[in-house]
Amino acid sequence: METQAPSSKETLKDRLARYRQIKICVIGRKSGQTISIPVWFVLDGEKLYLLPVQGADTQWYKNVLKNPSIRIDARDVEAGFRATPNTEAKAVKSVVEKFREKYGAKNVKKYYSKFDVAVVIELD
């Protein structure tokens, strides 16, 4: 009986379920270069939520606005996705709550300075 290797997305999801930090790669809006940034995230079903630490002023967020192409790297398991920025207050508040649950309200308060935007990535 042959066993199939798990798809990269399954492996990625397995890792996302275990890790607290991933790397995202975005395309620089001015340089055109790939920029890699370590970030916190929340995985909820088929959705991956990112919260830019300085809200709309965060550089990687500004890059995603220009080019929504984003790569997720969870310890060498990588996949490309499309990032969807969300500025709707209720949706952003919900993401902030998810981050507080995962990382603790104190840590979120310590590292995040502005809560006006979030980014959603559909994994399926």
PDB file of N, CA and C in Angstrom:
ATOM      1  N   MET A   1       0.836  -1.185   0.000  1.00  0.00           N
ATOM      2  CA  MET A   1       0.000   0.000   0.000  1.00  0.00           C
ATOM      3  C   MET A   1       0.879   1.245   0.000  1.00  0.00           C
ATOM      4  N   GLU A   2       0.666   2.124  -0.954  1.00  0.00           N
ATOM      5  CA  GLU A   2       1.472   3.349  -1.025  1.00  0.00           C
ATOM      6  C   GLU A   2       0.832   4.455  -0.206  1.00  0.00           C
ATOM      7  N   THR A   3       1.678   5.187   0.500  1.00  0.00           N
ATOM      8  CA  THR A   3       1.147   6.356   1.208  1.00  0.00           C
ATOM      9  C   THR A   3       1.570   7.588   0.426  1.00  0.00           C
ATOM     10  N   GLN A   4       0.631   8.484   0.284  1.00  0.00           N
ATOM     11  CA  GLN A   4       0.947   9.709  -0.448  1.00  0.00           C
ATOM     12  C   GLN A   4       1.586  10.721   0.486  1.00  0.00           C
ATOM     13  N   ALA A   5       2.544  11.448  -0.043  1.00  0.00           N
ATOM     14  CA  ALA A   5       3.136  12.523   0.754  1.00  0.00           C
ATOM     15  C   ALA A   5       2.070  13.595   0.957  1.00  0.00           C
ATOM     16  N   PRO A   6       2.041  14.186   2.147  1.00  0.00           N
ATOM     17  CA  PRO A   6       1.029  15.235   2.364  1.00  0.00           C
ATOM     18  C   PRO A   6       1.288  16.418   1.439  1.00  0.00           C
ATOM     19  N   SER A   7       0.216  17.064   1.034  1.00  0.00           N
ATOM     20  CA  SER A   7       0.392  18.233   0.176  1.00  0.00           C
ATOM     21  C   SER A   7       1.092  19.323   0.973  1.00  0.00           C
ATOM     22  N   SER A   8       1.723  20.242   0.269  1.00  0.00           N
ATOM     23  CA  SER A   8       2.461  21.300   0.978  1.00  0.00           C
ATOM     24  C   SER A   8       1.539  22.112   1.870  1.00  0.00           C
ATOM     25  N   LYS A   9       0.271  22.266   1.442  1.00  0.00           N
ATOM     26  CA  LYS A   9      -0.655  23.047   2.263  1.00  0.00           C
ATOM     27  C   LYS A   9      -0.990  22.317   3.556  1.00  0.00           C
ATOM     28  N   GLU A  10      -1.147  20.984   3.492  1.00  0.00           N
ATOM     29  CA  GLU A  10      -1.404  20.212   4.716  1.00  0.00           C
ATOM     30  C   GLU A  10      -0.232  20.359   5.668  1.00  0.00           C
ATOM     31  N   THR A  11       0.959  20.183   5.131  1.00  0.00           N
ATOM     32  CA  THR A  11       2.159  20.300   5.958  1.00  0.00           C
ATOM     33  C   THR A  11       2.251  21.705   6.544  1.00  0.00           C
ATOM     34  N   LEU A  12       1.963  22.699   5.718  1.00  0.00           N
ATOM     35  CA  LEU A  12       2.004  24.080   6.187  1.00  0.00           C
ATOM     36  C   LEU A  12       1.007  24.272   7.329  1.00  0.00           C
ATOM     37  N   LYS A  13      -0.210  23.769   7.134  1.00  0.00           N
ATOM     38  CA  LYS A  13      -1.219  23.910   8.186  1.00  0.00           C
ATOM     39  C   LYS A  13      -0.807  23.189   9.466  1.00  0.00           C
ATOM     40  N   ASP A  14      -0.196  21.998   9.326  1.00  0.00           N
ATOM     41  CA  ASP A  14       0.297  21.274  10.505  1.00  0.00           C
ATOM     42  C   ASP A  14       1.284  22.147  11.278  1.00  0.00           C
ATOM     43  N   ARG A  15       2.178  22.757  10.539  1.00  0.00           N
ATOM     44  CA  ARG A  15       3.186  23.602  11.187  1.00  0.00           C
ATOM     45  C   ARG A  15       2.568  24.862  11.784  1.00  0.00           C
ATOM     46  N   LEU A  16       1.639  25.454  11.051  1.00  0.00           N
ATOM     47  CA  LEU A  16       0.980  26.655  11.561  1.00  0.00           C
ATOM     48  C   LEU A  16       0.256  26.345  12.869  1.00  0.00           C
ATOM     49  N   ALA A  17      -0.271  25.133  12.972  1.00  0.00           N
ATOM     50  CA  ALA A  17      -0.994  24.752  14.186  1.00  0.00           C
ATOM     51  C   ALA A  17      -0.031  24.637  15.375  1.00  0.00           C
ATOM     52  N   ARG A  18       1.247  24.401  15.098  1.00  0.00           N
ATOM     53  CA  ARG A  18       2.218  24.190  16.179  1.00  0.00           C
ATOM     54  C   ARG A  18       3.069  25.406  16.541  1.00  0.00           C
ATOM     55  N   TYR A  19       3.268  26.306  15.592  1.00  0.00           N
ATOM     56  CA  TYR A  19       4.230  27.382  15.820  1.00  0.00           C
ATOM     57  C   TYR A  19       3.584  28.686  16.269  1.00  0.00           C
ATOM     58  N   ARG A  20       4.419  29.523  16.859  1.00  0.00           N
ATOM     59  CA  ARG A  20       3.949  30.823  17.332  1.00  0.00           C
ATOM     60  C   ARG A  20       4.396  31.953  16.416  1.00  0.00           C
ATOM     61  N   GLN A  21       5.368  31.655  15.556  1.00  0.00           N
ATOM     62  CA  GLN A  21       5.880  32.700  14.669  1.00  0.00           C
ATOM     63  C   GLN A  21       6.191  32.109  13.304  1.00  0.00           C
ATOM     64  N   ILE A  22       5.922  32.891  12.268  1.00  0.00           N
ATOM     65  CA  ILE A  22       6.244  32.482  10.905  1.00  0.00           C
ATOM     66  C   ILE A  22       6.976  33.633  10.233  1.00  0.00           C
ATOM     67  N   LYS A  23       7.455  33.353   9.037  1.00  0.00           N
ATOM     68  CA  LYS A  23       8.024  34.436   8.229  1.00  0.00           C
ATOM     69  C   LYS A  23       7.073  34.683   7.079  1.00  0.00           C
ATOM     70  N   ILE A  24       6.880  35.952   6.766  1.00  0.00           N
ATOM     71  CA  ILE A  24       6.127  36.282   5.560  1.00  0.00           C
ATOM     72  C   ILE A  24       7.087  36.964   4.599  1.00  0.00           C
ATOM     73  N   CYS A  25       6.882  36.735   3.326  1.00  0.00           N
ATOM     74  CA  CYS A  25       7.678  37.398   2.294  1.00  0.00           C
ATOM     75  C   CYS A  25       6.738  38.210   1.431  1.00  0.00           C
ATOM     76  N   VAL A  26       7.049  39.491   1.329  1.00  0.00           N
ATOM     77  CA  VAL A  26       6.248  40.399   0.497  1.00  0.00           C
ATOM     78  C   VAL A  26       7.173  41.082  -0.505  1.00  0.00           C
ATOM     79  N   ILE A  27       6.590  41.670  -1.514  1.00  0.00           N
ATOM     80  CA  ILE A  27       7.367  42.382  -2.532  1.00  0.00           C
ATOM     81  C   ILE A  27       7.408  43.868  -2.163  1.00  0.00           C
ATOM     82  N   GLY A  28       8.606  44.400  -2.050  1.00  0.00           N
ATOM     83  CA  GLY A  28       8.769  45.816  -1.718  1.00  0.00           C
ATOM     84  C   GLY A  28       8.089  46.696  -2.756  1.00  0.00           C
ATOM     85  N   ARG A  29       7.269  47.646  -2.293  1.00  0.00           N
ATOM     86  CA  ARG A  29       6.491  48.466  -3.239  1.00  0.00           C
ATOM     87  C   ARG A  29       7.362  49.436  -4.010  1.00  0.00           C
ATOM     88  N   LYS A  30       8.535  49.772  -3.475  1.00  0.00           N
ATOM     89  CA  LYS A  30       9.439  50.672  -4.205  1.00  0.00           C
ATOM     90  C   LYS A  30      10.596  49.894  -4.820  1.00  0.00           C
ATOM     91  N   SER A  31      11.182  48.982  -4.030  1.00  0.00           N
ATOM     92  CA  SER A  31      12.379  48.261  -4.482  1.00  0.00           C
ATOM     93  C   SER A  31      12.060  47.104  -5.424  1.00  0.00           C
ATOM     94  N   GLY A  32      10.862  46.526  -5.285  1.00  0.00           N
ATOM     95  CA  GLY A  32      10.545  45.342  -6.074  1.00  0.00           C
ATOM     96  C   GLY A  32      11.233  44.094  -5.530  1.00  0.00           C
ATOM     97  N   GLN A  33      11.998  44.245  -4.458  1.00  0.00           N
ATOM     98  CA  GLN A  33      12.718  43.125  -3.843  1.00  0.00           C
ATOM     99  C   GLN A  33      11.790  42.341  -2.923  1.00  0.00           C
ATOM    100  N   THR A  34      12.112  41.068  -2.724  1.00  0.00           N
ATOM    101  CA  THR A  34      11.368  40.258  -1.762  1.00  0.00           C
ATOM    102  C   THR A  34      11.882  40.587  -0.368  1.00  0.00           C
ATOM    103  N   ILE A  35      10.966  40.883   0.526  1.00  0.00           N
ATOM    104  CA  ILE A  35      11.321  41.242   1.897  1.00  0.00           C
ATOM    105  C   ILE A  35      10.714  40.194   2.820  1.00  0.00           C
ATOM    106  N   SER A  36      11.554  39.657   3.702  1.00  0.00           N
ATOM    107  CA  SER A  36      11.111  38.611   4.617  1.00  0.00           C
ATOM    108  C   SER A  36      11.024  39.182   6.035  1.00  0.00           C
ATOM    109  N   ILE A  37       9.898  38.949   6.703  1.00  0.00           N
ATOM    110  CA  ILE A  37       9.663  39.519   8.039  1.00  0.00           C
ATOM    111  C   ILE A  37       9.093  38.440   8.954  1.00  0.00           C
ATOM    112  N   PRO A  38       9.652  38.288  10.170  1.00  0.00           N
ATOM    113  CA  PRO A  38       9.033  37.372  11.121  1.00  0.00           C
ATOM    114  C   PRO A  38       7.792  38.022  11.732  1.00  0.00           C
ATOM    115  N   VAL A  39       6.690  37.281  11.802  1.00  0.00           N
ATOM    116  CA  VAL A  39       5.450  37.835  12.351  1.00  0.00           C
ATOM    117  C   VAL A  39       4.724  36.812  13.217  1.00  0.00           C
ATOM    118  N   TRP A  40       3.874  37.327  14.076  1.00  0.00           N
ATOM    119  CA  TRP A  40       2.921  36.489  14.792  1.00  0.00           C
ATOM    120  C   TRP A  40       1.706  36.320  13.902  1.00  0.00           C
ATOM    121  N   PHE A  41       0.918  35.299  14.174  1.00  0.00           N
ATOM    122  CA  PHE A  41      -0.243  34.998  13.342  1.00  0.00           C
ATOM    123  C   PHE A  41      -1.251  34.215  14.159  1.00  0.00           C
ATOM    124  N   VAL A  42      -2.463  34.140  13.636  1.00  0.00           N
ATOM    125  CA  VAL A  42      -3.484  33.269  14.222  1.00  0.00           C
ATOM    126  C   VAL A  42      -4.078  32.453  13.083  1.00  0.00           C
ATOM    127  N   LEU A  43      -4.122  31.137  13.299  1.00  0.00           N
ATOM    128  CA  LEU A  43      -4.745  30.226  12.342  1.00  0.00           C
ATOM    129  C   LEU A  43      -6.132  29.887  12.860  1.00  0.00           C
ATOM    130  N   ASP A  44      -7.142  30.108  12.023  1.00  0.00           N
ATOM    131  CA  ASP A  44      -8.509  29.795  12.420  1.00  0.00           C
ATOM    132  C   ASP A  44      -9.185  29.103  11.242  1.00  0.00           C
ATOM    133  N   GLY A  45      -9.278  27.792  11.300  1.00  0.00           N
ATOM    134  CA  GLY A  45      -9.830  27.030  10.187  1.00  0.00           C
ATOM    135  C   GLY A  45      -8.952  27.168   8.958  1.00  0.00           C
ATOM    136  N   GLU A  46      -9.540  27.645   7.869  1.00  0.00           N
ATOM    137  CA  GLU A  46      -8.792  27.825   6.615  1.00  0.00           C
ATOM    138  C   GLU A  46      -8.244  29.243   6.471  1.00  0.00           C
ATOM    139  N   LYS A  47      -8.380  30.028   7.519  1.00  0.00           N
ATOM    140  CA  LYS A  47      -7.925  31.424   7.437  1.00  0.00           C
ATOM    141  C   LYS A  47      -6.728  31.660   8.348  1.00  0.00           C
ATOM    142  N   LEU A  48      -5.811  32.442   7.821  1.00  0.00           N
ATOM    143  CA  LEU A  48      -4.634  32.849   8.579  1.00  0.00           C
ATOM    144  C   LEU A  48      -4.744  34.357   8.765  1.00  0.00           C
ATOM    145  N   TYR A  49      -4.668  34.810  10.006  1.00  0.00           N
ATOM    146  CA  TYR A  49      -4.804  36.233  10.301  1.00  0.00           C
ATOM    147  C   TYR A  49      -3.457  36.834  10.691  1.00  0.00           C
ATOM    148  N   LEU A  50      -3.183  37.992  10.129  1.00  0.00           N
ATOM    149  CA  LEU A  50      -1.975  38.743  10.469  1.00  0.00           C
ATOM    150  C   LEU A  50      -2.400  40.112  10.978  1.00  0.00           C
ATOM    151  N   LEU A  51      -1.640  40.599  11.946  1.00  0.00           N
ATOM    152  CA  LEU A  51      -1.934  41.908  12.512  1.00  0.00           C
ATOM    153  C   LEU A  51      -0.657  42.740  12.404  1.00  0.00           C
ATOM    154  N   PRO A  52      -0.634  43.730  11.518  1.00  0.00           N
ATOM    155  CA  PRO A  52       0.567  44.562  11.389  1.00  0.00           C
ATOM    156  C   PRO A  52       0.823  45.315  12.701  1.00  0.00           C
ATOM    157  N   VAL A  53       2.072  45.266  13.194  1.00  0.00           N
ATOM    158  CA  VAL A  53       2.363  45.828  14.524  1.00  0.00           C
ATOM    159  C   VAL A  53       2.108  47.328  14.643  1.00  0.00           C
ATOM    160  N   GLN A  54       2.269  48.055  13.551  1.00  0.00           N
ATOM    161  CA  GLN A  54       1.985  49.503  13.595  1.00  0.00           C
ATOM    162  C   GLN A  54       0.777  49.828  12.720  1.00  0.00           C
ATOM    163  N   GLY A  55      -0.141  48.871  12.634  1.00  0.00           N
ATOM    164  CA  GLY A  55      -1.342  49.087  11.845  1.00  0.00           C
ATOM    165  C   GLY A  55      -1.019  49.472  10.411  1.00  0.00           C
ATOM    166  N   ALA A  56      -1.769  50.430   9.879  1.00  0.00           N
ATOM    167  CA  ALA A  56      -1.614  50.857   8.483  1.00  0.00           C
ATOM    168  C   ALA A  56      -0.253  51.490   8.207  1.00  0.00           C
ATOM    169  N   ASP A  57       0.490  51.845   9.267  1.00  0.00           N
ATOM    170  CA  ASP A  57       1.818  52.441   9.075  1.00  0.00           C
ATOM    171  C   ASP A  57       2.919  51.389   8.899  1.00  0.00           C
ATOM    172  N   THR A  58       2.587  50.126   9.089  1.00  0.00           N
ATOM    173  CA  THR A  58       3.561  49.040   8.975  1.00  0.00           C
ATOM    174  C   THR A  58       4.020  48.896   7.524  1.00  0.00           C
ATOM    175  N   GLN A  59       5.338  48.817   7.325  1.00  0.00           N
ATOM    176  CA  GLN A  59       5.897  48.761   5.968  1.00  0.00           C
ATOM    177  C   GLN A  59       5.396  47.552   5.180  1.00  0.00           C
ATOM    178  N   TRP A  60       5.418  46.364   5.778  1.00  0.00           N
ATOM    179  CA  TRP A  60       4.996  45.189   5.004  1.00  0.00           C
ATOM    180  C   TRP A  60       3.525  45.289   4.615  1.00  0.00           C
ATOM    181  N   TYR A  61       2.717  45.937   5.448  1.00  0.00           N
ATOM    182  CA  TYR A  61       1.299  46.127   5.124  1.00  0.00           C
ATOM    183  C   TYR A  61       1.159  47.042   3.904  1.00  0.00           C
ATOM    184  N   LYS A  62       1.935  48.111   3.881  1.00  0.00           N
ATOM    185  CA  LYS A  62       1.901  49.028   2.733  1.00  0.00           C
ATOM    186  C   LYS A  62       2.316  48.300   1.449  1.00  0.00           C
ATOM    187  N   ASN A  63       3.269  47.369   1.582  1.00  0.00           N
ATOM    188  CA  ASN A  63       3.700  46.579   0.422  1.00  0.00           C
ATOM    189  C   ASN A  63       2.569  45.678  -0.075  1.00  0.00           C
ATOM    190  N   VAL A  64       1.842  45.064   0.857  1.00  0.00           N
ATOM    191  CA  VAL A  64       0.724  44.176   0.510  1.00  0.00           C
ATOM    192  C   VAL A  64      -0.399  44.955  -0.185  1.00  0.00           C
ATOM    193  N   LEU A  65      -0.596  46.213   0.196  1.00  0.00           N
ATOM    194  CA  LEU A  65      -1.619  47.034  -0.468  1.00  0.00           C
ATOM    195  C   LEU A  65      -1.284  47.198  -1.948  1.00  0.00           C
ATOM    196  N   LYS A  66       0.009  47.323  -2.244  1.00  0.00           N
ATOM    197  CA  LYS A  66       0.430  47.504  -3.636  1.00  0.00           C
ATOM    198  C   LYS A  66       0.486  46.163  -4.370  1.00  0.00           C
ATOM    199  N   ASN A  67       0.953  45.124  -3.681  1.00  0.00           N
ATOM    200  CA  ASN A  67       1.071  43.800  -4.291  1.00  0.00           C
ATOM    201  C   ASN A  67       0.618  42.754  -3.273  1.00  0.00           C
ATOM    202  N   PRO A  68      -0.608  42.222  -3.429  1.00  0.00           N
ATOM    203  CA  PRO A  68      -1.173  41.310  -2.427  1.00  0.00           C
ATOM    204  C   PRO A  68      -0.549  39.915  -2.393  1.00  0.00           C
ATOM    205  N   SER A  69       0.431  39.687  -3.255  1.00  0.00           N
ATOM    206  CA  SER A  69       1.096  38.395  -3.281  1.00  0.00           C
ATOM    207  C   SER A  69       1.955  38.248  -2.018  1.00  0.00           C
ATOM    208  N   ILE A  70       1.771  37.133  -1.294  1.00  0.00           N
ATOM    209  CA  ILE A  70       2.501  36.947  -0.043  1.00  0.00           C
ATOM    210  C   ILE A  70       2.911  35.480   0.071  1.00  0.00           C
ATOM    211  N   ARG A  71       4.123  35.239   0.591  1.00  0.00           N
ATOM    212  CA  ARG A  71       4.566  33.868   0.840  1.00  0.00           C
ATOM    213  C   ARG A  71       4.623  33.650   2.341  1.00  0.00           C
ATOM    214  N   ILE A  72       4.150  32.494   2.748  1.00  0.00           N
ATOM    215  CA  ILE A  72       4.187  32.115   4.154  1.00  0.00           C
ATOM    216  C   ILE A  72       5.280  31.065   4.299  1.00  0.00           C
ATOM    217  N   ASP A  73       6.164  31.247   5.247  1.00  0.00           N
ATOM    218  CA  ASP A  73       7.242  30.297   5.502  1.00  0.00           C
ATOM    219  C   ASP A  73       7.166  29.873   6.969  1.00  0.00           C
ATOM    220  N   ALA A  74       6.739  28.613   7.172  1.00  0.00           N
ATOM    221  CA  ALA A  74       6.683  28.067   8.530  1.00  0.00           C
ATOM    222  C   ALA A  74       7.822  27.059   8.654  1.00  0.00           C
ATOM    223  N   ARG A  75       8.976  27.549   9.039  1.00  0.00           N
ATOM    224  CA  ARG A  75      10.181  26.720   9.167  1.00  0.00           C
ATOM    225  C   ARG A  75      10.423  25.852   7.944  1.00  0.00           C
ATOM    226  N   ASP A  76      10.630  26.512   6.819  1.00  0.00           N
ATOM    227  CA  ASP A  76      11.008  25.871   5.560  1.00  0.00           C
ATOM    228  C   ASP A  76       9.888  25.151   4.825  1.00  0.00           C
ATOM    229  N   VAL A  77       8.673  25.241   5.312  1.00  0.00           N
ATOM    230  CA  VAL A  77       7.546  24.806   4.487  1.00  0.00           C
ATOM    231  C   VAL A  77       6.898  26.092   4.001  1.00  0.00           C
ATOM    232  N   GLU A  78       6.944  26.288   2.689  1.00  0.00           N
ATOM    233  CA  GLU A  78       6.495  27.566   2.124  1.00  0.00           C
ATOM    234  C   GLU A  78       5.344  27.391   1.156  1.00  0.00           C
ATOM    235  N   ALA A  79       4.540  28.417   1.059  1.00  0.00           N
ATOM    236  CA  ALA A  79       3.482  28.440   0.045  1.00  0.00           C
ATOM    237  C   ALA A  79       3.112  29.887  -0.230  1.00  0.00           C
ATOM    238  N   GLY A  80       2.670  30.133  -1.459  1.00  0.00           N
ATOM    239  CA  GLY A  80       2.276  31.485  -1.852  1.00  0.00           C
ATOM    240  C   GLY A  80       0.769  31.670  -1.753  1.00  0.00           C
ATOM    241  N   PHE A  81       0.353  32.855  -1.355  1.00  0.00           N
ATOM    242  CA  PHE A  81      -1.061  33.163  -1.195  1.00  0.00           C
ATOM    243  C   PHE A  81      -1.336  34.592  -1.632  1.00  0.00           C
ATOM    244  N   ARG A  82      -2.603  34.953  -1.490  1.00  0.00           N
ATOM    245  CA  ARG A  82      -3.018  36.326  -1.764  1.00  0.00           C
ATOM    246  C   ARG A  82      -3.492  36.919  -0.444  1.00  0.00           C
ATOM    247  N   ALA A  83      -2.930  38.033  -0.059  1.00  0.00           N
ATOM    248  CA  ALA A  83      -3.292  38.691   1.195  1.00  0.00           C
ATOM    249  C   ALA A  83      -4.472  39.630   0.950  1.00  0.00           C
ATOM    250  N   THR A  84      -5.431  39.612   1.869  1.00  0.00           N
ATOM    251  CA  THR A  84      -6.576  40.505   1.765  1.00  0.00           C
ATOM    252  C   THR A  84      -6.592  41.447   2.957  1.00  0.00           C
ATOM    253  N   PRO A  85      -6.264  42.723   2.750  1.00  0.00           N
ATOM    254  CA  PRO A  85      -6.295  43.694   3.852  1.00  0.00           C
ATOM    255  C   PRO A  85      -7.730  43.946   4.298  1.00  0.00           C
ATOM    256  N   ASN A  86      -7.923  44.160   5.574  1.00  0.00           N
ATOM    257  CA  ASN A  86      -9.249  44.450   6.105  1.00  0.00           C
ATOM    258  C   ASN A  86      -9.154  45.647   7.049  1.00  0.00           C
ATOM    259  N   THR A  87      -9.945  46.667   6.774  1.00  0.00           N
ATOM    260  CA  THR A  87      -9.914  47.870   7.610  1.00  0.00           C
ATOM    261  C   THR A  87     -11.234  48.044   8.353  1.00  0.00           C
ATOM    262  N   GLU A  88     -12.140  47.081   8.203  1.00  0.00           N
ATOM    263  CA  GLU A  88     -13.449  47.174   8.850  1.00  0.00           C
ATOM    264  C   GLU A  88     -13.272  46.982  10.358  1.00  0.00           C
ATOM    265  N   ALA A  89     -13.687  47.976  11.148  1.00  0.00           N
ATOM    266  CA  ALA A  89     -13.389  48.017  12.586  1.00  0.00           C
ATOM    267  C   ALA A  89     -13.765  46.739  13.345  1.00  0.00           C
ATOM    268  N   LYS A  90     -14.963  46.205  13.074  1.00  0.00           N
ATOM    269  CA  LYS A  90     -15.404  45.011  13.786  1.00  0.00           C
ATOM    270  C   LYS A  90     -14.536  43.801  13.462  1.00  0.00           C
ATOM    271  N   ALA A  91     -14.186  43.662  12.197  1.00  0.00           N
ATOM    272  CA  ALA A  91     -13.351  42.542  11.756  1.00  0.00           C
ATOM    273  C   ALA A  91     -11.958  42.644  12.383  1.00  0.00           C
ATOM    274  N   VAL A  92     -11.392  43.849  12.396  1.00  0.00           N
ATOM    275  CA  VAL A  92     -10.062  44.062  12.969  1.00  0.00           C
ATOM    276  C   VAL A  92     -10.092  43.756  14.468  1.00  0.00           C
ATOM    277  N   LYS A  93     -11.126  44.212  15.154  1.00  0.00           N
ATOM    278  CA  LYS A  93     -11.270  43.966  16.589  1.00  0.00           C
ATOM    279  C   LYS A  93     -11.307  42.461  16.870  1.00  0.00           C
ATOM    280  N   SER A  94     -11.997  41.725  16.019  1.00  0.00           N
ATOM    281  CA  SER A  94     -12.087  40.279  16.161  1.00  0.00           C
ATOM    282  C   SER A  94     -10.698  39.623  16.023  1.00  0.00           C
ATOM    283  N   VAL A  95      -9.889  40.108  15.076  1.00  0.00           N
ATOM    284  CA  VAL A  95      -8.526  39.586  14.894  1.00  0.00           C
ATOM    285  C   VAL A  95      -7.674  39.930  16.119  1.00  0.00           C
ATOM    286  N   VAL A  96      -7.811  41.155  16.612  1.00  0.00           N
ATOM    287  CA  VAL A  96      -7.060  41.569  17.815  1.00  0.00           C
ATOM    288  C   VAL A  96      -7.398  40.632  18.977  1.00  0.00           C
ATOM    289  N   GLU A  97      -8.676  40.305  19.136  1.00  0.00           N
ATOM    290  CA  GLU A  97      -9.093  39.379  20.201  1.00  0.00           C
ATOM    291  C   GLU A  97      -8.440  38.009  20.037  1.00  0.00           C
ATOM    292  N   LYS A  98      -8.380  37.521  18.801  1.00  0.00           N
ATOM    293  CA  LYS A  98      -7.739  36.224  18.529  1.00  0.00           C
ATOM    294  C   LYS A  98      -6.263  36.274  18.925  1.00  0.00           C
ATOM    295  N   PHE A  99      -5.607  37.398  18.617  1.00  0.00           N
ATOM    296  CA  PHE A  99      -4.192  37.562  18.972  1.00  0.00           C
ATOM    297  C   PHE A  99      -4.020  37.605  20.493  1.00  0.00           C
ATOM    298  N   ARG A 100      -4.923  38.275  21.185  1.00  0.00           N
ATOM    299  CA  ARG A 100      -4.850  38.342  22.654  1.00  0.00           C
ATOM    300  C   ARG A 100      -5.011  36.957  23.261  1.00  0.00           C
ATOM    301  N   GLU A 101      -5.923  36.162  22.694  1.00  0.00           N
ATOM    302  CA  GLU A 101      -6.126  34.792  23.187  1.00  0.00           C
ATOM    303  C   GLU A 101      -4.869  33.959  23.005  1.00  0.00           C
ATOM    304  N   LYS A 102      -4.238  34.084  21.849  1.00  0.00           N
ATOM    305  CA  LYS A 102      -3.076  33.241  21.543  1.00  0.00           C
ATOM    306  C   LYS A 102      -1.805  33.697  22.254  1.00  0.00           C
ATOM    307  N   TYR A 103      -1.556  34.997  22.246  1.00  0.00           N
ATOM    308  CA  TYR A 103      -0.263  35.504  22.735  1.00  0.00           C
ATOM    309  C   TYR A 103      -0.342  36.198  24.092  1.00  0.00           C
ATOM    310  N   GLY A 104      -1.554  36.447  24.567  1.00  0.00           N
ATOM    311  CA  GLY A 104      -1.716  37.152  25.836  1.00  0.00           C
ATOM    312  C   GLY A 104      -1.877  38.648  25.612  1.00  0.00           C
ATOM    313  N   ALA A 105      -2.840  39.241  26.315  1.00  0.00           N
ATOM    314  CA  ALA A 105      -3.158  40.664  26.138  1.00  0.00           C
ATOM    315  C   ALA A 105      -1.944  41.549  26.409  1.00  0.00           C
ATOM    316  N   LYS A 106      -1.140  41.187  27.414  1.00  0.00           N
ATOM    317  CA  LYS A 106       0.042  42.001  27.759  1.00  0.00           C
ATOM    318  C   LYS A 106       1.032  42.058  26.607  1.00  0.00           C
ATOM    319  N   ASN A 107       1.302  40.920  25.995  1.00  0.00           N
ATOM    320  CA  ASN A 107       2.250  40.884  24.873  1.00  0.00           C
ATOM    321  C   ASN A 107       1.726  41.654  23.677  1.00  0.00           C
ATOM    322  N   VAL A 108       0.434  41.523  23.404  1.00  0.00           N
ATOM    323  CA  VAL A 108      -0.148  42.251  22.275  1.00  0.00           C
ATOM    324  C   VAL A 108      -0.030  43.749  22.531  1.00  0.00           C
ATOM    325  N   LYS A 109      -0.293  44.148  23.760  1.00  0.00           N
ATOM    326  CA  LYS A 109      -0.205  45.569  24.117  1.00  0.00           C
ATOM    327  C   LYS A 109       1.245  46.066  24.001  1.00  0.00           C
ATOM    328  N   LYS A 110       2.174  45.194  24.381  1.00  0.00           N
ATOM    329  CA  LYS A 110       3.594  45.550  24.381  1.00  0.00           C
ATOM    330  C   LYS A 110       4.147  45.738  22.961  1.00  0.00           C
ATOM    331  N   TYR A 111       3.753  44.870  22.038  1.00  0.00           N
ATOM    332  CA  TYR A 111       4.366  44.872  20.707  1.00  0.00           C
ATOM    333  C   TYR A 111       3.561  45.579  19.619  1.00  0.00           C
ATOM    334  N   TYR A 112       2.270  45.718  19.836  1.00  0.00           N
ATOM    335  CA  TYR A 112       1.415  46.308  18.799  1.00  0.00           C
ATOM    336  C   TYR A 112       0.985  47.705  19.216  1.00  0.00           C
ATOM    337  N   SER A 113       1.157  48.680  18.308  1.00  0.00           N
ATOM    338  CA  SER A 113       0.887  50.064  18.695  1.00  0.00           C
ATOM    339  C   SER A 113      -0.383  50.636  18.072  1.00  0.00           C
ATOM    340  N   LYS A 114      -0.922  49.957  17.051  1.00  0.00           N
ATOM    341  CA  LYS A 114      -2.065  50.523  16.352  1.00  0.00           C
ATOM    342  C   LYS A 114      -2.941  49.378  15.844  1.00  0.00           C
ATOM    343  N   PHE A 115      -4.249  49.493  16.077  1.00  0.00           N
ATOM    344  CA  PHE A 115      -5.156  48.409  15.706  1.00  0.00           C
ATOM    345  C   PHE A 115      -6.199  48.893  14.701  1.00  0.00           C
ATOM    346  N   ASP A 116      -5.741  49.327  13.530  1.00  0.00           N
ATOM    347  CA  ASP A 116      -6.692  49.846  12.538  1.00  0.00           C
ATOM    348  C   ASP A 116      -6.835  48.959  11.309  1.00  0.00           C
ATOM    349  N   VAL A 117      -5.955  47.965  11.173  1.00  0.00           N
ATOM    350  CA  VAL A 117      -6.022  47.071  10.005  1.00  0.00           C
ATOM    351  C   VAL A 117      -5.632  45.650  10.408  1.00  0.00           C
ATOM    352  N   ALA A 118      -6.075  44.690   9.604  1.00  0.00           N
ATOM    353  CA  ALA A 118      -5.656  43.306   9.742  1.00  0.00           C
ATOM    354  C   ALA A 118      -5.529  42.744   8.332  1.00  0.00           C
ATOM    355  N   VAL A 119      -4.885  41.572   8.226  1.00  0.00           N
ATOM    356  CA  VAL A 119      -4.742  40.931   6.922  1.00  0.00           C
ATOM    357  C   VAL A 119      -5.234  39.496   7.049  1.00  0.00           C
ATOM    358  N   VAL A 120      -6.022  39.076   6.084  1.00  0.00           N
ATOM    359  CA  VAL A 120      -6.562  37.711   6.069  1.00  0.00           C
ATOM    360  C   VAL A 120      -5.989  36.980   4.866  1.00  0.00           C
ATOM    361  N   ILE A 121      -5.590  35.739   5.089  1.00  0.00           N
ATOM    362  CA  ILE A 121      -5.099  34.900   4.001  1.00  0.00           C
ATOM    363  C   ILE A 121      -5.924  33.619   3.989  1.00  0.00           C
ATOM    364  N   GLU A 122      -6.551  33.343   2.855  1.00  0.00           N
ATOM    365  CA  GLU A 122      -7.326  32.106   2.700  1.00  0.00           C
ATOM    366  C   GLU A 122      -6.353  30.989   2.324  1.00  0.00           C
ATOM    367  N   LEU A 123      -6.297  29.952   3.143  1.00  0.00           N
ATOM    368  CA  LEU A 123      -5.339  28.880   2.893  1.00  0.00           C
ATOM    369  C   LEU A 123      -5.844  27.829   1.913  1.00  0.00           C
ATOM    370  N   ASP A 124      -7.159  27.732   1.720  1.00  0.00           N
ATOM    371  CA  ASP A 124      -7.635  26.667   0.845  1.00  0.00           C
ATOM    372  C   ASP A 124      -7.641  27.073  -0.613  1.00  0.00           C
TER     373      ASP A 124
END
